[in-house]
Amino acid sequence: MFPGQKGGEPNRVLDHVSFEMSGQVFVSLVGPSGCGKSTLLNIVSGVETITSGGLSLTDDQG
């Protein structure tokens, strides 16, 4: 949840996001402005912290 603009109600930014990648792949996130692309990358990289739900990053290469 992110604070709403001008002190308004908080906004749910990401909801039900799931994906898997295997091997060395190139991934692009595309979508309209405000859909959560940067937020997702910031969460995965550790810049932002999540307030609910979970994040699982695993390396199954051994």
PDB file of N, CA and C in Angstrom:
ATOM      1  N   MET A   1       0.842  -1.165   0.000  1.00  0.00           N
ATOM      2  CA  MET A   1       0.000   0.000   0.000  1.00  0.00           C
ATOM      3  C   MET A   1       0.894   1.236   0.000  1.00  0.00           C
ATOM      4  N   PHE A   2       0.574   2.163  -0.847  1.00  0.00           N
ATOM      5  CA  PHE A   2       1.279   3.434  -0.896  1.00  0.00           C
ATOM      6  C   PHE A   2       0.321   4.533  -0.472  1.00  0.00           C
ATOM      7  N   PRO A   3       0.838   5.563   0.204  1.00  0.00           N
ATOM      8  CA  PRO A   3      -0.050   6.661   0.607  1.00  0.00           C
ATOM      9  C   PRO A   3      -0.727   7.277  -0.607  1.00  0.00           C
ATOM     10  N   GLY A   4      -1.980   7.671  -0.441  1.00  0.00           N
ATOM     11  CA  GLY A   4      -2.697   8.344  -1.517  1.00  0.00           C
ATOM     12  C   GLY A   4      -2.160   9.749  -1.715  1.00  0.00           C
ATOM     13  N   GLN A   5      -2.459  10.325  -2.847  1.00  0.00           N
ATOM     14  CA  GLN A   5      -2.015  11.685  -3.120  1.00  0.00           C
ATOM     15  C   GLN A   5      -2.742  12.657  -2.212  1.00  0.00           C
ATOM     16  N   LYS A   6      -2.016  13.634  -1.732  1.00  0.00           N
ATOM     17  CA  LYS A   6      -2.563  14.698  -0.874  1.00  0.00           C
ATOM     18  C   LYS A   6      -3.270  14.138   0.352  1.00  0.00           C
ATOM     19  N   GLY A   7      -2.669  13.099   0.957  1.00  0.00           N
ATOM     20  CA  GLY A   7      -3.210  12.553   2.191  1.00  0.00           C
ATOM     21  C   GLY A   7      -4.444  11.694   2.034  1.00  0.00           C
ATOM     22  N   GLY A   8      -4.750  11.279   0.823  1.00  0.00           N
ATOM     23  CA  GLY A   8      -5.933  10.456   0.577  1.00  0.00           C
ATOM     24  C   GLY A   8      -5.733   9.021   1.031  1.00  0.00           C
ATOM     25  N   GLU A   9      -6.672   8.190   0.693  1.00  0.00           N
ATOM     26  CA  GLU A   9      -6.620   6.778   1.051  1.00  0.00           C
ATOM     27  C   GLU A   9      -5.417   6.102   0.391  1.00  0.00           C
ATOM     28  N   PRO A  10      -4.811   5.117   1.085  1.00  0.00           N
ATOM     29  CA  PRO A  10      -3.690   4.383   0.485  1.00  0.00           C
ATOM     30  C   PRO A  10      -4.133   3.620  -0.759  1.00  0.00           C
ATOM     31  N   ASN A  11      -3.200   3.426  -1.682  1.00  0.00           N
ATOM     32  CA  ASN A  11      -3.470   2.710  -2.932  1.00  0.00           C
ATOM     33  C   ASN A  11      -2.790   1.348  -2.917  1.00  0.00           C
ATOM     34  N   ARG A  12      -3.510   0.315  -3.330  1.00  0.00           N
ATOM     35  CA  ARG A  12      -2.887  -0.996  -3.524  1.00  0.00           C
ATOM     36  C   ARG A  12      -2.139  -0.918  -4.851  1.00  0.00           C
ATOM     37  N   VAL A  13      -0.835  -1.153  -4.794  1.00  0.00           N
ATOM     38  CA  VAL A  13      -0.011  -0.964  -5.985  1.00  0.00           C
ATOM     39  C   VAL A  13       0.156  -2.263  -6.759  1.00  0.00           C
ATOM     40  N   LEU A  14       0.470  -3.347  -6.081  1.00  0.00           N
ATOM     41  CA  LEU A  14       0.646  -4.638  -6.738  1.00  0.00           C
ATOM     42  C   LEU A  14      -0.298  -5.643  -6.099  1.00  0.00           C
ATOM     43  N   ASP A  15      -0.927  -6.477  -6.915  1.00  0.00           N
ATOM     44  CA  ASP A  15      -1.863  -7.466  -6.398  1.00  0.00           C
ATOM     45  C   ASP A  15      -1.787  -8.714  -7.267  1.00  0.00           C
ATOM     46  N   HIS A  16      -1.532  -9.855  -6.664  1.00  0.00           N
ATOM     47  CA  HIS A  16      -1.470 -11.143  -7.363  1.00  0.00           C
ATOM     48  C   HIS A  16      -0.436 -11.137  -8.494  1.00  0.00           C
ATOM     49  N   VAL A  17       0.799 -10.800  -8.170  1.00  0.00           N
ATOM     50  CA  VAL A  17       1.879 -10.821  -9.158  1.00  0.00           C
ATOM     51  C   VAL A  17       2.683 -12.096  -8.945  1.00  0.00           C
ATOM     52  N   SER A  18       2.888 -12.840 -10.003  1.00  0.00           N
ATOM     53  CA  SER A  18       3.645 -14.076  -9.914  1.00  0.00           C
ATOM     54  C   SER A  18       4.308 -14.353 -11.258  1.00  0.00           C
ATOM     55  N   PHE A  19       5.574 -14.736 -11.231  1.00  0.00           N
ATOM     56  CA  PHE A  19       6.230 -15.185 -12.449  1.00  0.00           C
ATOM     57  C   PHE A  19       7.440 -16.021 -12.093  1.00  0.00           C
ATOM     58  N   GLU A  20       7.848 -16.866 -13.022  1.00  0.00           N
ATOM     59  CA  GLU A  20       9.013 -17.720 -12.861  1.00  0.00           C
ATOM     60  C   GLU A  20       9.925 -17.529 -14.055  1.00  0.00           C
ATOM     61  N   MET A  21      11.220 -17.589 -13.788  1.00  0.00           N
ATOM     62  CA  MET A  21      12.220 -17.520 -14.854  1.00  0.00           C
ATOM     63  C   MET A  21      13.202 -18.656 -14.628  1.00  0.00           C
ATOM     64  N   SER A  22      13.712 -19.221 -15.693  1.00  0.00           N
ATOM     65  CA  SER A  22      14.713 -20.262 -15.549  1.00  0.00           C
ATOM     66  C   SER A  22      15.859 -19.984 -16.502  1.00  0.00           C
ATOM     67  N   GLY A  23      17.043 -20.337 -16.057  1.00  0.00           N
ATOM     68  CA  GLY A  23      18.220 -20.095 -16.875  1.00  0.00           C
ATOM     69  C   GLY A  23      18.538 -18.620 -16.976  1.00  0.00           C
ATOM     70  N   GLN A  24      19.365 -18.291 -17.906  1.00  0.00           N
ATOM     71  CA  GLN A  24      19.736 -16.896 -18.129  1.00  0.00           C
ATOM     72  C   GLN A  24      18.791 -16.321 -19.169  1.00  0.00           C
ATOM     73  N   VAL A  25      17.865 -15.496 -18.716  1.00  0.00           N
ATOM     74  CA  VAL A  25      16.859 -14.931 -19.605  1.00  0.00           C
ATOM     75  C   VAL A  25      16.856 -13.419 -19.476  1.00  0.00           C
ATOM     76  N   PHE A  26      16.342 -12.769 -20.476  1.00  0.00           N
ATOM     77  CA  PHE A  26      16.162 -11.321 -20.484  1.00  0.00           C
ATOM     78  C   PHE A  26      14.677 -11.067 -20.313  1.00  0.00           C
ATOM     79  N   VAL A  27      14.320 -10.238 -19.344  1.00  0.00           N
ATOM     80  CA  VAL A  27      12.911  -9.977 -19.045  1.00  0.00           C
ATOM     81  C   VAL A  27      12.630  -8.498 -19.190  1.00  0.00           C
ATOM     82  N   SER A  28      11.500  -8.163 -19.781  1.00  0.00           N
ATOM     83  CA  SER A  28      11.049  -6.770 -19.892  1.00  0.00           C
ATOM     84  C   SER A  28       9.708  -6.637 -19.197  1.00  0.00           C
ATOM     85  N   LEU A  29       9.563  -5.577 -18.423  1.00  0.00           N
ATOM     86  CA  LEU A  29       8.267  -5.246 -17.830  1.00  0.00           C
ATOM     87  C   LEU A  29       7.697  -4.092 -18.628  1.00  0.00           C
ATOM     88  N   VAL A  30       6.537  -4.293 -19.200  1.00  0.00           N
ATOM     89  CA  VAL A  30       5.901  -3.245 -19.993  1.00  0.00           C
ATOM     90  C   VAL A  30       4.487  -3.017 -19.480  1.00  0.00           C
ATOM     91  N   GLY A  31       4.039  -1.799 -19.589  1.00  0.00           N
ATOM     92  CA  GLY A  31       2.686  -1.459 -19.169  1.00  0.00           C
ATOM     93  C   GLY A  31       2.541   0.040 -19.077  1.00  0.00           C
ATOM     94  N   PRO A  32       1.326   0.498 -18.850  1.00  0.00           N
ATOM     95  CA  PRO A  32       1.083   1.938 -18.787  1.00  0.00           C
ATOM     96  C   PRO A  32       1.689   2.566 -17.534  1.00  0.00           C
ATOM     97  N   SER A  33       1.821   3.859 -17.562  1.00  0.00           N
ATOM     98  CA  SER A  33       2.321   4.611 -16.419  1.00  0.00           C
ATOM     99  C   SER A  33       1.450   4.342 -15.198  1.00  0.00           C
ATOM    100  N   GLY A  34       2.103   4.071 -14.082  1.00  0.00           N
ATOM    101  CA  GLY A  34       1.375   3.873 -12.839  1.00  0.00           C
ATOM    102  C   GLY A  34       0.903   2.462 -12.573  1.00  0.00           C
ATOM    103  N   CYS A  35       1.299   1.492 -13.405  1.00  0.00           N
ATOM    104  CA  CYS A  35       0.803   0.128 -13.204  1.00  0.00           C
ATOM    105  C   CYS A  35       1.663  -0.690 -12.241  1.00  0.00           C
ATOM    106  N   GLY A  36       2.806  -0.153 -11.784  1.00  0.00           N
ATOM    107  CA  GLY A  36       3.610  -0.837 -10.775  1.00  0.00           C
ATOM    108  C   GLY A  36       4.924  -1.423 -11.251  1.00  0.00           C
ATOM    109  N   LYS A  37       5.358  -1.105 -12.460  1.00  0.00           N
ATOM    110  CA  LYS A  37       6.614  -1.657 -12.983  1.00  0.00           C
ATOM    111  C   LYS A  37       7.798  -1.288 -12.093  1.00  0.00           C
ATOM    112  N   SER A  38       7.966  -0.020 -11.818  1.00  0.00           N
ATOM    113  CA  SER A  38       9.092   0.434 -10.992  1.00  0.00           C
ATOM    114  C   SER A  38       8.966  -0.075  -9.566  1.00  0.00           C
ATOM    115  N   THR A  39       7.753  -0.120  -9.053  1.00  0.00           N
ATOM    116  CA  THR A  39       7.538  -0.627  -7.698  1.00  0.00           C
ATOM    117  C   THR A  39       7.970  -2.080  -7.601  1.00  0.00           C
ATOM    118  N   LEU A  40       7.604  -2.903  -8.575  1.00  0.00           N
ATOM    119  CA  LEU A  40       7.997  -4.305  -8.577  1.00  0.00           C
ATOM    120  C   LEU A  40       9.516  -4.441  -8.607  1.00  0.00           C
ATOM    121  N   LEU A  41      10.182  -3.699  -9.468  1.00  0.00           N
ATOM    122  CA  LEU A  41      11.642  -3.767  -9.542  1.00  0.00           C
ATOM    123  C   LEU A  41      12.285  -3.287  -8.250  1.00  0.00           C
ATOM    124  N   ASN A  42      11.736  -2.245  -7.639  1.00  0.00           N
ATOM    125  CA  ASN A  42      12.272  -1.742  -6.374  1.00  0.00           C
ATOM    126  C   ASN A  42      12.100  -2.756  -5.249  1.00  0.00           C
ATOM    127  N   ILE A  43      11.007  -3.490  -5.241  1.00  0.00           N
ATOM    128  CA  ILE A  43      10.791  -4.518  -4.223  1.00  0.00           C
ATOM    129  C   ILE A  43      11.756  -5.678  -4.425  1.00  0.00           C
ATOM    130  N   VAL A  44      11.882  -6.161  -5.651  1.00  0.00           N
ATOM    131  CA  VAL A  44      12.777  -7.284  -5.937  1.00  0.00           C
ATOM    132  C   VAL A  44      14.225  -6.926  -5.616  1.00  0.00           C
ATOM    133  N   SER A  45      14.624  -5.682  -5.877  1.00  0.00           N
ATOM    134  CA  SER A  45      16.006  -5.269  -5.620  1.00  0.00           C
ATOM    135  C   SER A  45      16.255  -4.884  -4.167  1.00  0.00           C
ATOM    136  N   GLY A  46      15.196  -4.785  -3.359  1.00  0.00           N
ATOM    137  CA  GLY A  46      15.360  -4.450  -1.948  1.00  0.00           C
ATOM    138  C   GLY A  46      15.298  -2.973  -1.631  1.00  0.00           C
ATOM    139  N   VAL A  47      15.049  -2.137  -2.621  1.00  0.00           N
ATOM    140  CA  VAL A  47      14.951  -0.691  -2.399  1.00  0.00           C
ATOM    141  C   VAL A  47      13.687  -0.365  -1.609  1.00  0.00           C
ATOM    142  N   GLU A  48      12.582  -1.039  -1.929  1.00  0.00           N
ATOM    143  CA  GLU A  48      11.308  -0.871  -1.225  1.00  0.00           C
ATOM    144  C   GLU A  48      11.027  -2.140  -0.428  1.00  0.00           C
ATOM    145  N   THR A  49      10.288  -2.002   0.660  1.00  0.00           N
ATOM    146  CA  THR A  49       9.867  -3.169   1.427  1.00  0.00           C
ATOM    147  C   THR A  49       8.364  -3.361   1.255  1.00  0.00           C
ATOM    148  N   ILE A  50       7.942  -4.614   1.313  1.00  0.00           N
ATOM    149  CA  ILE A  50       6.521  -4.907   1.163  1.00  0.00           C
ATOM    150  C   ILE A  50       5.828  -4.795   2.519  1.00  0.00           C
ATOM    151  N   THR A  51       4.558  -4.429   2.501  1.00  0.00           N
ATOM    152  CA  THR A  51       3.796  -4.287   3.736  1.00  0.00           C
ATOM    153  C   THR A  51       2.881  -5.475   3.982  1.00  0.00           C
ATOM    154  N   SER A  52       2.624  -6.275   2.966  1.00  0.00           N
ATOM    155  CA  SER A  52       1.838  -7.495   3.140  1.00  0.00           C
ATOM    156  C   SER A  52       2.177  -8.442   2.004  1.00  0.00           C
ATOM    157  N   GLY A  53       1.842  -9.703   2.191  1.00  0.00           N
ATOM    158  CA  GLY A  53       2.164 -10.691   1.171  1.00  0.00           C
ATOM    159  C   GLY A  53       3.569 -11.219   1.359  1.00  0.00           C
ATOM    160  N   GLY A  54       4.152 -11.727   0.315  1.00  0.00           N
ATOM    161  CA  GLY A  54       5.472 -12.316   0.422  1.00  0.00           C
ATOM    162  C   GLY A  54       6.271 -12.162  -0.852  1.00  0.00           C
ATOM    163  N   LEU A  55       7.564 -12.383  -0.712  1.00  0.00           N
ATOM    164  CA  LEU A  55       8.488 -12.338  -1.843  1.00  0.00           C
ATOM    165  C   LEU A  55       9.404 -13.536  -1.722  1.00  0.00           C
ATOM    166  N   SER A  56       9.523 -14.303  -2.776  1.00  0.00           N
ATOM    167  CA  SER A  56      10.374 -15.477  -2.766  1.00  0.00           C
ATOM    168  C   SER A  56      11.319 -15.418  -3.953  1.00  0.00           C
ATOM    169  N   LEU A  57      12.607 -15.374  -3.668  1.00  0.00           N
ATOM    170  CA  LEU A  57      13.641 -15.410  -4.701  1.00  0.00           C
ATOM    171  C   LEU A  57      14.507 -16.624  -4.418  1.00  0.00           C
ATOM    172  N   THR A  58      14.582 -17.551  -5.366  1.00  0.00           N
ATOM    173  CA  THR A  58      15.385 -18.750  -5.162  1.00  0.00           C
ATOM    174  C   THR A  58      16.324 -18.944  -6.332  1.00  0.00           C
ATOM    175  N   ASP A  59      17.424 -19.600  -6.053  1.00  0.00           N
ATOM    176  CA  ASP A  59      18.393 -19.950  -7.086  1.00  0.00           C
ATOM    177  C   ASP A  59      18.482 -21.461  -7.110  1.00  0.00           C
ATOM    178  N   ASP A  60      17.855 -22.067  -8.088  1.00  0.00           N
ATOM    179  CA  ASP A  60      17.813 -23.523  -8.170  1.00  0.00           C
ATOM    180  C   ASP A  60      18.965 -24.104  -8.980  1.00  0.00           C
ATOM    181  N   GLN A  61      20.026 -23.339  -9.183  1.00  0.00           N
ATOM    182  CA  GLN A  61      21.156 -23.818  -9.983  1.00  0.00           C
ATOM    183  C   GLN A  61      22.155 -24.602  -9.143  1.00  0.00           C
ATOM    184  N   GLY A  62      21.859 -24.822  -7.886  1.00  0.00           N
ATOM    185  CA  GLY A  62      22.735 -25.647  -7.076  1.00  0.00           C
ATOM    186  C   GLY A  62      23.371 -24.878  -6.054  1.00  0.00           C
TER     187      GLY A  62
END
